[in-house]
Amino acid sequence: AIDHFFTMAKELRVNIPETMKYFC
């Protein structure tokens, strides 16, 4: 899920803000 989330964000040229929280 982590790999494909960040890959998708990159492909969509979405910059993930530093304020984003992660629950694992």
mmCIF file of all heavy atoms, coordinates in Angstrom:
data_MODEL
# 
_entry.id   MODEL 
# 
loop_
_atom_site.group_PDB 
_atom_site.id 
_atom_site.type_symbol 
_atom_site.label_atom_id 
_atom_site.label_alt_id 
_atom_site.label_comp_id 
_atom_site.label_asym_id 
_atom_site.label_entity_id 
_atom_site.label_seq_id 
_atom_site.pdbx_PDB_ins_code 
_atom_site.Cartn_x 
_atom_site.Cartn_y 
_atom_site.Cartn_z 
_atom_site.occupancy 
_atom_site.B_iso_or_equiv 
_atom_site.pdbx_formal_charge 
_atom_site.auth_seq_id 
_atom_site.auth_comp_id 
_atom_site.auth_asym_id 
_atom_site.auth_atom_id 
_atom_site.pdbx_PDB_model_num 
ATOM 1   N N   . ALA A 1 1  ? 0.838  -1.204 0.000   1.00 0.00 ? 1  ALA A N   1 
ATOM 2   C CA  . ALA A 1 1  ? 0.000  0.000  0.000   1.00 0.00 ? 1  ALA A CA  1 
ATOM 3   C C   . ALA A 1 1  ? 0.873  1.254  0.000   1.00 0.00 ? 1  ALA A C   1 
ATOM 4   O O   . ALA A 1 1  ? 0.589  2.227  -0.710  1.00 0.00 ? 1  ALA A O   1 
ATOM 5   C CB  . ALA A 1 1  ? -0.931 -0.009 1.210   1.00 0.00 ? 1  ALA A CB  1 
ATOM 6   N N   . ILE A 1 2  ? 1.959  1.226  0.788   1.00 0.00 ? 2  ILE A N   1 
ATOM 7   C CA  . ILE A 1 2  ? 2.873  2.377  0.852   1.00 0.00 ? 2  ILE A CA  1 
ATOM 8   C C   . ILE A 1 2  ? 3.535  2.604  -0.506  1.00 0.00 ? 2  ILE A C   1 
ATOM 9   O O   . ILE A 1 2  ? 3.533  3.716  -1.046  1.00 0.00 ? 2  ILE A O   1 
ATOM 10  C CB  . ILE A 1 2  ? 3.950  2.159  1.946   1.00 0.00 ? 2  ILE A CB  1 
ATOM 11  C CG1 . ILE A 1 2  ? 3.292  2.165  3.323   1.00 0.00 ? 2  ILE A CG1 1 
ATOM 12  C CG2 . ILE A 1 2  ? 5.036  3.244  1.864   1.00 0.00 ? 2  ILE A CG2 1 
ATOM 13  C CD1 . ILE A 1 2  ? 4.233  1.802  4.470   1.00 0.00 ? 2  ILE A CD1 1 
ATOM 14  N N   . ASP A 1 3  ? 4.110  1.528  -1.069  1.00 0.00 ? 3  ASP A N   1 
ATOM 15  C CA  . ASP A 1 3  ? 4.792  1.639  -2.370  1.00 0.00 ? 3  ASP A CA  1 
ATOM 16  C C   . ASP A 1 3  ? 3.872  2.221  -3.436  1.00 0.00 ? 3  ASP A C   1 
ATOM 17  O O   . ASP A 1 3  ? 4.237  3.157  -4.160  1.00 0.00 ? 3  ASP A O   1 
ATOM 18  C CB  . ASP A 1 3  ? 5.285  0.258  -2.838  1.00 0.00 ? 3  ASP A CB  1 
ATOM 19  C CG  . ASP A 1 3  ? 6.520  -0.200 -2.079  1.00 0.00 ? 3  ASP A CG  1 
ATOM 20  O OD1 . ASP A 1 3  ? 7.280  0.659  -1.595  1.00 0.00 ? 3  ASP A OD1 1 
ATOM 21  O OD2 . ASP A 1 3  ? 6.723  -1.428 -1.973  1.00 0.00 ? 3  ASP A OD2 1 
ATOM 22  N N   . HIS A 1 4  ? 2.668  1.679  -3.525  1.00 0.00 ? 4  HIS A N   1 
ATOM 23  C CA  . HIS A 1 4  ? 1.776  2.090  -4.618  1.00 0.00 ? 4  HIS A CA  1 
ATOM 24  C C   . HIS A 1 4  ? 1.117  3.446  -4.368  1.00 0.00 ? 4  HIS A C   1 
ATOM 25  O O   . HIS A 1 4  ? 0.805  4.161  -5.323  1.00 0.00 ? 4  HIS A O   1 
ATOM 26  C CB  . HIS A 1 4  ? 0.750  0.986  -4.888  1.00 0.00 ? 4  HIS A CB  1 
ATOM 27  C CG  . HIS A 1 4  ? 1.398  -0.248 -5.445  1.00 0.00 ? 4  HIS A CG  1 
ATOM 28  N ND1 . HIS A 1 4  ? 1.969  -0.278 -6.696  1.00 0.00 ? 4  HIS A ND1 1 
ATOM 29  C CD2 . HIS A 1 4  ? 1.618  -1.467 -4.903  1.00 0.00 ? 4  HIS A CD2 1 
ATOM 30  C CE1 . HIS A 1 4  ? 2.501  -1.474 -6.908  1.00 0.00 ? 4  HIS A CE1 1 
ATOM 31  N NE2 . HIS A 1 4  ? 2.300  -2.211 -5.835  1.00 0.00 ? 4  HIS A NE2 1 
ATOM 32  N N   . PHE A 1 5  ? 0.960  3.824  -3.098  1.00 0.00 ? 5  PHE A N   1 
ATOM 33  C CA  . PHE A 1 5  ? 0.443  5.160  -2.795  1.00 0.00 ? 5  PHE A CA  1 
ATOM 34  C C   . PHE A 1 5  ? 1.426  6.230  -3.264  1.00 0.00 ? 5  PHE A C   1 
ATOM 35  O O   . PHE A 1 5  ? 1.060  7.169  -3.976  1.00 0.00 ? 5  PHE A O   1 
ATOM 36  C CB  . PHE A 1 5  ? 0.176  5.315  -1.296  1.00 0.00 ? 5  PHE A CB  1 
ATOM 37  C CG  . PHE A 1 5  ? -0.144 6.728  -0.886  1.00 0.00 ? 5  PHE A CG  1 
ATOM 38  C CD1 . PHE A 1 5  ? -1.407 7.265  -1.104  1.00 0.00 ? 5  PHE A CD1 1 
ATOM 39  C CD2 . PHE A 1 5  ? 0.834  7.539  -0.310  1.00 0.00 ? 5  PHE A CD2 1 
ATOM 40  C CE1 . PHE A 1 5  ? -1.701 8.586  -0.753  1.00 0.00 ? 5  PHE A CE1 1 
ATOM 41  C CE2 . PHE A 1 5  ? 0.543  8.853  0.045   1.00 0.00 ? 5  PHE A CE2 1 
ATOM 42  C CZ  . PHE A 1 5  ? -0.721 9.371  -0.176  1.00 0.00 ? 5  PHE A CZ  1 
ATOM 43  N N   . PHE A 1 6  ? 2.690  6.079  -2.862  1.00 0.00 ? 6  PHE A N   1 
ATOM 44  C CA  . PHE A 1 6  ? 3.685  7.102  -3.216  1.00 0.00 ? 6  PHE A CA  1 
ATOM 45  C C   . PHE A 1 6  ? 4.024  7.074  -4.711  1.00 0.00 ? 6  PHE A C   1 
ATOM 46  O O   . PHE A 1 6  ? 4.309  8.114  -5.304  1.00 0.00 ? 6  PHE A O   1 
ATOM 47  C CB  . PHE A 1 6  ? 4.935  6.962  -2.354  1.00 0.00 ? 6  PHE A CB  1 
ATOM 48  C CG  . PHE A 1 6  ? 4.731  7.450  -0.940  1.00 0.00 ? 6  PHE A CG  1 
ATOM 49  C CD1 . PHE A 1 6  ? 4.568  6.554  0.107   1.00 0.00 ? 6  PHE A CD1 1 
ATOM 50  C CD2 . PHE A 1 6  ? 4.661  8.808  -0.664  1.00 0.00 ? 6  PHE A CD2 1 
ATOM 51  C CE1 . PHE A 1 6  ? 4.349  6.999  1.409   1.00 0.00 ? 6  PHE A CE1 1 
ATOM 52  C CE2 . PHE A 1 6  ? 4.454  9.274  0.628   1.00 0.00 ? 6  PHE A CE2 1 
ATOM 53  C CZ  . PHE A 1 6  ? 4.291  8.365  1.664   1.00 0.00 ? 6  PHE A CZ  1 
ATOM 54  N N   . THR A 1 7  ? 3.954  5.900  -5.325  1.00 0.00 ? 7  THR A N   1 
ATOM 55  C CA  . THR A 1 7  ? 4.167  5.807  -6.781  1.00 0.00 ? 7  THR A CA  1 
ATOM 56  C C   . THR A 1 7  ? 3.053  6.530  -7.515  1.00 0.00 ? 7  THR A C   1 
ATOM 57  O O   . THR A 1 7  ? 3.305  7.288  -8.461  1.00 0.00 ? 7  THR A O   1 
ATOM 58  C CB  . THR A 1 7  ? 4.218  4.326  -7.227  1.00 0.00 ? 7  THR A CB  1 
ATOM 59  O OG1 . THR A 1 7  ? 5.299  3.691  -6.563  1.00 0.00 ? 7  THR A OG1 1 
ATOM 60  C CG2 . THR A 1 7  ? 4.417  4.216  -8.732  1.00 0.00 ? 7  THR A CG2 1 
ATOM 61  N N   . MET A 1 8  ? 1.816  6.314  -7.058  1.00 0.00 ? 8  MET A N   1 
ATOM 62  C CA  . MET A 1 8  ? 0.671  6.973  -7.704  1.00 0.00 ? 8  MET A CA  1 
ATOM 63  C C   . MET A 1 8  ? 0.765  8.487  -7.532  1.00 0.00 ? 8  MET A C   1 
ATOM 64  O O   . MET A 1 8  ? 0.517  9.249  -8.481  1.00 0.00 ? 8  MET A O   1 
ATOM 65  C CB  . MET A 1 8  ? -0.637 6.443  -7.105  1.00 0.00 ? 8  MET A CB  1 
ATOM 66  C CG  . MET A 1 8  ? -1.895 7.033  -7.750  1.00 0.00 ? 8  MET A CG  1 
ATOM 67  S SD  . MET A 1 8  ? -2.024 6.665  -9.525  1.00 0.00 ? 8  MET A SD  1 
ATOM 68  C CE  . MET A 1 8  ? -2.344 4.903  -9.463  1.00 0.00 ? 8  MET A CE  1 
ATOM 69  N N   . ALA A 1 9  ? 1.112  8.926  -6.340  1.00 0.00 ? 9  ALA A N   1 
ATOM 70  C CA  . ALA A 1 9  ? 1.251  10.365 -6.086  1.00 0.00 ? 9  ALA A CA  1 
ATOM 71  C C   . ALA A 1 9  ? 2.273  10.970 -7.048  1.00 0.00 ? 9  ALA A C   1 
ATOM 72  O O   . ALA A 1 9  ? 2.060  12.050 -7.623  1.00 0.00 ? 9  ALA A O   1 
ATOM 73  C CB  . ALA A 1 9  ? 1.654  10.616 -4.639  1.00 0.00 ? 9  ALA A CB  1 
ATOM 74  N N   . LYS A 1 10 ? 3.371  10.273 -7.252  1.00 0.00 ? 10 LYS A N   1 
ATOM 75  C CA  . LYS A 1 10 ? 4.429  10.746 -8.153  1.00 0.00 ? 10 LYS A CA  1 
ATOM 76  C C   . LYS A 1 10 ? 3.926  10.805 -9.593  1.00 0.00 ? 10 LYS A C   1 
ATOM 77  O O   . LYS A 1 10 ? 4.153  11.783 -10.305 1.00 0.00 ? 10 LYS A O   1 
ATOM 78  C CB  . LYS A 1 10 ? 5.640  9.815  -8.046  1.00 0.00 ? 10 LYS A CB  1 
ATOM 79  C CG  . LYS A 1 10 ? 6.880  10.333 -8.757  1.00 0.00 ? 10 LYS A CG  1 
ATOM 80  C CD  . LYS A 1 10 ? 8.059  9.393  -8.542  1.00 0.00 ? 10 LYS A CD  1 
ATOM 81  C CE  . LYS A 1 10 ? 9.293  9.896  -9.282  1.00 0.00 ? 10 LYS A CE  1 
ATOM 82  N NZ  . LYS A 1 10 ? 10.424 8.947  -9.125  1.00 0.00 ? 10 LYS A NZ  1 
ATOM 83  N N   . GLU A 1 11 ? 3.213  9.750  -10.002 1.00 0.00 ? 11 GLU A N   1 
ATOM 84  C CA  . GLU A 1 11 ? 2.698  9.702  -11.383 1.00 0.00 ? 11 GLU A CA  1 
ATOM 85  C C   . GLU A 1 11 ? 1.658  10.794 -11.631 1.00 0.00 ? 11 GLU A C   1 
ATOM 86  O O   . GLU A 1 11 ? 1.534  11.309 -12.734 1.00 0.00 ? 11 GLU A O   1 
ATOM 87  C CB  . GLU A 1 11 ? 2.106  8.320  -11.676 1.00 0.00 ? 11 GLU A CB  1 
ATOM 88  C CG  . GLU A 1 11 ? 3.175  7.238  -11.818 1.00 0.00 ? 11 GLU A CG  1 
ATOM 89  C CD  . GLU A 1 11 ? 2.592  5.858  -12.049 1.00 0.00 ? 11 GLU A CD  1 
ATOM 90  O OE1 . GLU A 1 11 ? 1.371  5.679  -11.896 1.00 0.00 ? 11 GLU A OE1 1 
ATOM 91  O OE2 . GLU A 1 11 ? 3.377  4.939  -12.391 1.00 0.00 ? 11 GLU A OE2 1 
ATOM 92  N N   . LEU A 1 12 ? 0.904  11.131 -10.587 1.00 0.00 ? 12 LEU A N   1 
ATOM 93  C CA  . LEU A 1 12 ? -0.121 12.177 -10.714 1.00 0.00 ? 12 LEU A CA  1 
ATOM 94  C C   . LEU A 1 12 ? 0.455  13.570 -10.453 1.00 0.00 ? 12 LEU A C   1 
ATOM 95  O O   . LEU A 1 12 ? -0.258 14.570 -10.522 1.00 0.00 ? 12 LEU A O   1 
ATOM 96  C CB  . LEU A 1 12 ? -1.262 11.910 -9.723  1.00 0.00 ? 12 LEU A CB  1 
ATOM 97  C CG  . LEU A 1 12 ? -2.095 10.648 -9.948  1.00 0.00 ? 12 LEU A CG  1 
ATOM 98  C CD1 . LEU A 1 12 ? -3.051 10.434 -8.787  1.00 0.00 ? 12 LEU A CD1 1 
ATOM 99  C CD2 . LEU A 1 12 ? -2.868 10.721 -11.259 1.00 0.00 ? 12 LEU A CD2 1 
ATOM 100 N N   . ARG A 1 13 ? 1.771  13.604 -10.134 1.00 0.00 ? 13 ARG A N   1 
ATOM 101 C CA  . ARG A 1 13 ? 2.472  14.855 -9.792  1.00 0.00 ? 13 ARG A CA  1 
ATOM 102 C C   . ARG A 1 13 ? 1.818  15.571 -8.607  1.00 0.00 ? 13 ARG A C   1 
ATOM 103 O O   . ARG A 1 13 ? 1.657  16.791 -8.608  1.00 0.00 ? 13 ARG A O   1 
ATOM 104 C CB  . ARG A 1 13 ? 2.527  15.794 -11.007 1.00 0.00 ? 13 ARG A CB  1 
ATOM 105 C CG  . ARG A 1 13 ? 3.311  15.171 -12.160 1.00 0.00 ? 13 ARG A CG  1 
ATOM 106 C CD  . ARG A 1 13 ? 3.722  16.221 -13.142 1.00 0.00 ? 13 ARG A CD  1 
ATOM 107 N NE  . ARG A 1 13 ? 4.549  15.636 -14.182 1.00 0.00 ? 13 ARG A NE  1 
ATOM 108 C CZ  . ARG A 1 13 ? 4.218  15.600 -15.468 1.00 0.00 ? 13 ARG A CZ  1 
ATOM 109 N NH1 . ARG A 1 13 ? 3.068  16.081 -15.866 1.00 0.00 ? 13 ARG A NH1 1 
ATOM 110 N NH2 . ARG A 1 13 ? 5.041  15.077 -16.354 1.00 0.00 ? 13 ARG A NH2 1 
ATOM 111 N N   . VAL A 1 14 ? 1.441  14.763 -7.633  1.00 0.00 ? 14 VAL A N   1 
ATOM 112 C CA  . VAL A 1 14 ? 0.844  15.299 -6.403  1.00 0.00 ? 14 VAL A CA  1 
ATOM 113 C C   . VAL A 1 14 ? 1.940  15.382 -5.341  1.00 0.00 ? 14 VAL A C   1 
ATOM 114 O O   . VAL A 1 14 ? 2.581  14.380 -5.029  1.00 0.00 ? 14 VAL A O   1 
ATOM 115 C CB  . VAL A 1 14 ? -0.302 14.389 -5.896  1.00 0.00 ? 14 VAL A CB  1 
ATOM 116 C CG1 . VAL A 1 14 ? -0.758 14.819 -4.502  1.00 0.00 ? 14 VAL A CG1 1 
ATOM 117 C CG2 . VAL A 1 14 ? -1.471 14.400 -6.869  1.00 0.00 ? 14 VAL A CG2 1 
ATOM 118 N N   . ASN A 1 15 ? 2.171  16.565 -4.813  1.00 0.00 ? 15 ASN A N   1 
ATOM 119 C CA  . ASN A 1 15 ? 3.148  16.729 -3.736  1.00 0.00 ? 15 ASN A CA  1 
ATOM 120 C C   . ASN A 1 15 ? 2.460  16.494 -2.394  1.00 0.00 ? 15 ASN A C   1 
ATOM 121 O O   . ASN A 1 15 ? 1.550  17.236 -2.022  1.00 0.00 ? 15 ASN A O   1 
ATOM 122 C CB  . ASN A 1 15 ? 3.753  18.141 -3.767  1.00 0.00 ? 15 ASN A CB  1 
ATOM 123 C CG  . ASN A 1 15 ? 4.680  18.326 -4.954  1.00 0.00 ? 15 ASN A CG  1 
ATOM 124 O OD1 . ASN A 1 15 ? 5.445  17.423 -5.300  1.00 0.00 ? 15 ASN A OD1 1 
ATOM 125 N ND2 . ASN A 1 15 ? 4.603  19.477 -5.599  1.00 0.00 ? 15 ASN A ND2 1 
ATOM 126 N N   . ILE A 1 16 ? 2.887  15.451 -1.711  1.00 0.00 ? 16 ILE A N   1 
ATOM 127 C CA  . ILE A 1 16 ? 2.276  15.140 -0.414  1.00 0.00 ? 16 ILE A CA  1 
ATOM 128 C C   . ILE A 1 16 ? 2.772  16.143 0.625   1.00 0.00 ? 16 ILE A C   1 
ATOM 129 O O   . ILE A 1 16 ? 3.978  16.276 0.843   1.00 0.00 ? 16 ILE A O   1 
ATOM 130 C CB  . ILE A 1 16 ? 2.642  13.703 0.041   1.00 0.00 ? 16 ILE A CB  1 
ATOM 131 C CG1 . ILE A 1 16 ? 2.294  12.679 -1.044  1.00 0.00 ? 16 ILE A CG1 1 
ATOM 132 C CG2 . ILE A 1 16 ? 1.960  13.369 1.359   1.00 0.00 ? 16 ILE A CG2 1 
ATOM 133 C CD1 . ILE A 1 16 ? 0.830  12.587 -1.399  1.00 0.00 ? 16 ILE A CD1 1 
ATOM 134 N N   . PRO A 1 17 ? 1.854  16.882 1.268   1.00 0.00 ? 17 PRO A N   1 
ATOM 135 C CA  . PRO A 1 17 ? 2.294  17.898 2.241   1.00 0.00 ? 17 PRO A CA  1 
ATOM 136 C C   . PRO A 1 17 ? 2.950  17.277 3.468   1.00 0.00 ? 17 PRO A C   1 
ATOM 137 O O   . PRO A 1 17 ? 2.653  16.141 3.837   1.00 0.00 ? 17 PRO A O   1 
ATOM 138 C CB  . PRO A 1 17 ? 0.976  18.599 2.620   1.00 0.00 ? 17 PRO A CB  1 
ATOM 139 C CG  . PRO A 1 17 ? -0.095 17.621 2.288   1.00 0.00 ? 17 PRO A CG  1 
ATOM 140 C CD  . PRO A 1 17 ? 0.393  16.821 1.127   1.00 0.00 ? 17 PRO A CD  1 
ATOM 141 N N   . GLU A 1 18 ? 3.854  18.029 4.085   1.00 0.00 ? 18 GLU A N   1 
ATOM 142 C CA  . GLU A 1 18 ? 4.552  17.529 5.289   1.00 0.00 ? 18 GLU A CA  1 
ATOM 143 C C   . GLU A 1 18 ? 3.598  17.339 6.460   1.00 0.00 ? 18 GLU A C   1 
ATOM 144 O O   . GLU A 1 18 ? 3.917  16.652 7.424   1.00 0.00 ? 18 GLU A O   1 
ATOM 145 C CB  . GLU A 1 18 ? 5.675  18.497 5.678   1.00 0.00 ? 18 GLU A CB  1 
ATOM 146 C CG  . GLU A 1 18 ? 6.868  18.412 4.750   1.00 0.00 ? 18 GLU A CG  1 
ATOM 147 C CD  . GLU A 1 18 ? 8.111  19.057 5.349   1.00 0.00 ? 18 GLU A CD  1 
ATOM 148 O OE1 . GLU A 1 18 ? 8.071  19.425 6.536   1.00 0.00 ? 18 GLU A OE1 1 
ATOM 149 O OE2 . GLU A 1 18 ? 9.107  19.193 4.623   1.00 0.00 ? 18 GLU A OE2 1 
ATOM 150 N N   . THR A 1 19 ? 2.429  17.957 6.368   1.00 0.00 ? 19 THR A N   1 
ATOM 151 C CA  . THR A 1 19 ? 1.450  17.852 7.460   1.00 0.00 ? 19 THR A CA  1 
ATOM 152 C C   . THR A 1 19 ? 0.667  16.539 7.402   1.00 0.00 ? 19 THR A C   1 
ATOM 153 O O   . THR A 1 19 ? -0.064 16.209 8.339   1.00 0.00 ? 19 THR A O   1 
ATOM 154 C CB  . THR A 1 19 ? 0.449  19.014 7.372   1.00 0.00 ? 19 THR A CB  1 
ATOM 155 O OG1 . THR A 1 19 ? -0.093 19.047 6.034   1.00 0.00 ? 19 THR A OG1 1 
ATOM 156 C CG2 . THR A 1 19 ? 1.108  20.339 7.677   1.00 0.00 ? 19 THR A CG2 1 
ATOM 157 N N   . MET A 1 20 ? 0.817  15.777 6.310   1.00 0.00 ? 20 MET A N   1 
ATOM 158 C CA  . MET A 1 20 ? 0.070  14.521 6.163   1.00 0.00 ? 20 MET A CA  1 
ATOM 159 C C   . MET A 1 20 ? 0.424  13.571 7.302   1.00 0.00 ? 20 MET A C   1 
ATOM 160 O O   . MET A 1 20 ? 1.587  13.421 7.671   1.00 0.00 ? 20 MET A O   1 
ATOM 161 C CB  . MET A 1 20 ? 0.397  13.866 4.817   1.00 0.00 ? 20 MET A CB  1 
ATOM 162 C CG  . MET A 1 20 ? -0.439 12.633 4.498   1.00 0.00 ? 20 MET A CG  1 
ATOM 163 S SD  . MET A 1 20 ? -2.170 13.029 4.135   1.00 0.00 ? 20 MET A SD  1 
ATOM 164 C CE  . MET A 1 20 ? -2.055 13.496 2.400   1.00 0.00 ? 20 MET A CE  1 
ATOM 165 N N   . LYS A 1 21 ? -0.602 12.906 7.859   1.00 0.00 ? 21 LYS A N   1 
ATOM 166 C CA  . LYS A 1 21 ? -0.380 11.937 8.928   1.00 0.00 ? 21 LYS A CA  1 
ATOM 167 C C   . LYS A 1 21 ? -0.542 10.514 8.376   1.00 0.00 ? 21 LYS A C   1 
ATOM 168 O O   . LYS A 1 21 ? -1.285 10.309 7.415   1.00 0.00 ? 21 LYS A O   1 
ATOM 169 C CB  . LYS A 1 21 ? -1.361 12.169 10.080  1.00 0.00 ? 21 LYS A CB  1 
ATOM 170 C CG  . LYS A 1 21 ? -1.080 13.459 10.832  1.00 0.00 ? 21 LYS A CG  1 
ATOM 171 C CD  . LYS A 1 21 ? -2.097 13.702 11.931  1.00 0.00 ? 21 LYS A CD  1 
ATOM 172 C CE  . LYS A 1 21 ? -1.810 15.024 12.653  1.00 0.00 ? 21 LYS A CE  1 
ATOM 173 N NZ  . LYS A 1 21 ? -2.861 15.382 13.606  1.00 0.00 ? 21 LYS A NZ  1 
ATOM 174 N N   . TYR A 1 22 ? 0.145  9.577  8.992   1.00 0.00 ? 22 TYR A N   1 
ATOM 175 C CA  . TYR A 1 22 ? 0.115  8.187  8.516   1.00 0.00 ? 22 TYR A CA  1 
ATOM 176 C C   . TYR A 1 22 ? -0.219 7.246  9.670   1.00 0.00 ? 22 TYR A C   1 
ATOM 177 O O   . TYR A 1 22 ? 0.401  7.307  10.731  1.00 0.00 ? 22 TYR A O   1 
ATOM 178 C CB  . TYR A 1 22 ? 1.468  7.810  7.906   1.00 0.00 ? 22 TYR A CB  1 
ATOM 179 C CG  . TYR A 1 22 ? 1.883  8.742  6.784   1.00 0.00 ? 22 TYR A CG  1 
ATOM 180 C CD1 . TYR A 1 22 ? 2.794  9.777  7.027   1.00 0.00 ? 22 TYR A CD1 1 
ATOM 181 C CD2 . TYR A 1 22 ? 1.354  8.615  5.506   1.00 0.00 ? 22 TYR A CD2 1 
ATOM 182 C CE1 . TYR A 1 22 ? 3.166  10.656 6.014   1.00 0.00 ? 22 TYR A CE1 1 
ATOM 183 C CE2 . TYR A 1 22 ? 1.729  9.487  4.486   1.00 0.00 ? 22 TYR A CE2 1 
ATOM 184 C CZ  . TYR A 1 22 ? 2.629  10.509 4.744   1.00 0.00 ? 22 TYR A CZ  1 
ATOM 185 O OH  . TYR A 1 22 ? 2.985  11.379 3.737   1.00 0.00 ? 22 TYR A OH  1 
ATOM 186 N N   . PHE A 1 23 ? -1.194 6.384  9.442   1.00 0.00 ? 23 PHE A N   1 
ATOM 187 C CA  . PHE A 1 23 ? -1.625 5.415  10.442  1.00 0.00 ? 23 PHE A CA  1 
ATOM 188 C C   . PHE A 1 23 ? -1.388 4.012  9.888   1.00 0.00 ? 23 PHE A C   1 
ATOM 189 O O   . PHE A 1 23 ? -1.929 3.667  8.835   1.00 0.00 ? 23 PHE A O   1 
ATOM 190 C CB  . PHE A 1 23 ? -3.105 5.624  10.786  1.00 0.00 ? 23 PHE A CB  1 
ATOM 191 C CG  . PHE A 1 23 ? -3.376 6.930  11.511  1.00 0.00 ? 23 PHE A CG  1 
ATOM 192 C CD1 . PHE A 1 23 ? -3.381 8.143  10.818  1.00 0.00 ? 23 PHE A CD1 1 
ATOM 193 C CD2 . PHE A 1 23 ? -3.592 6.937  12.886  1.00 0.00 ? 23 PHE A CD2 1 
ATOM 194 C CE1 . PHE A 1 23 ? -3.607 9.348  11.483  1.00 0.00 ? 23 PHE A CE1 1 
ATOM 195 C CE2 . PHE A 1 23 ? -3.826 8.143  13.552  1.00 0.00 ? 23 PHE A CE2 1 
ATOM 196 C CZ  . PHE A 1 23 ? -3.827 9.348  12.856  1.00 0.00 ? 23 PHE A CZ  1 
ATOM 197 N N   . CYS A 1 24 ? -0.556 3.225  10.582  1.00 0.00 ? 24 CYS A N   1 
ATOM 198 C CA  . CYS A 1 24 ? -0.132 1.921  10.066  1.00 0.00 ? 24 CYS A CA  1 
ATOM 199 C C   . CYS A 1 24 ? -0.500 0.807  11.047  1.00 0.00 ? 24 CYS A C   1 
ATOM 200 O O   . CYS A 1 24 ? -0.481 1.009  12.258  1.00 0.00 ? 24 CYS A O   1 
ATOM 201 C CB  . CYS A 1 24 ? 1.375  1.909  9.842   1.00 0.00 ? 24 CYS A CB  1 
ATOM 202 S SG  . CYS A 1 24 ? 1.961  3.304  8.852   1.00 0.00 ? 24 CYS A SG  1 
# 
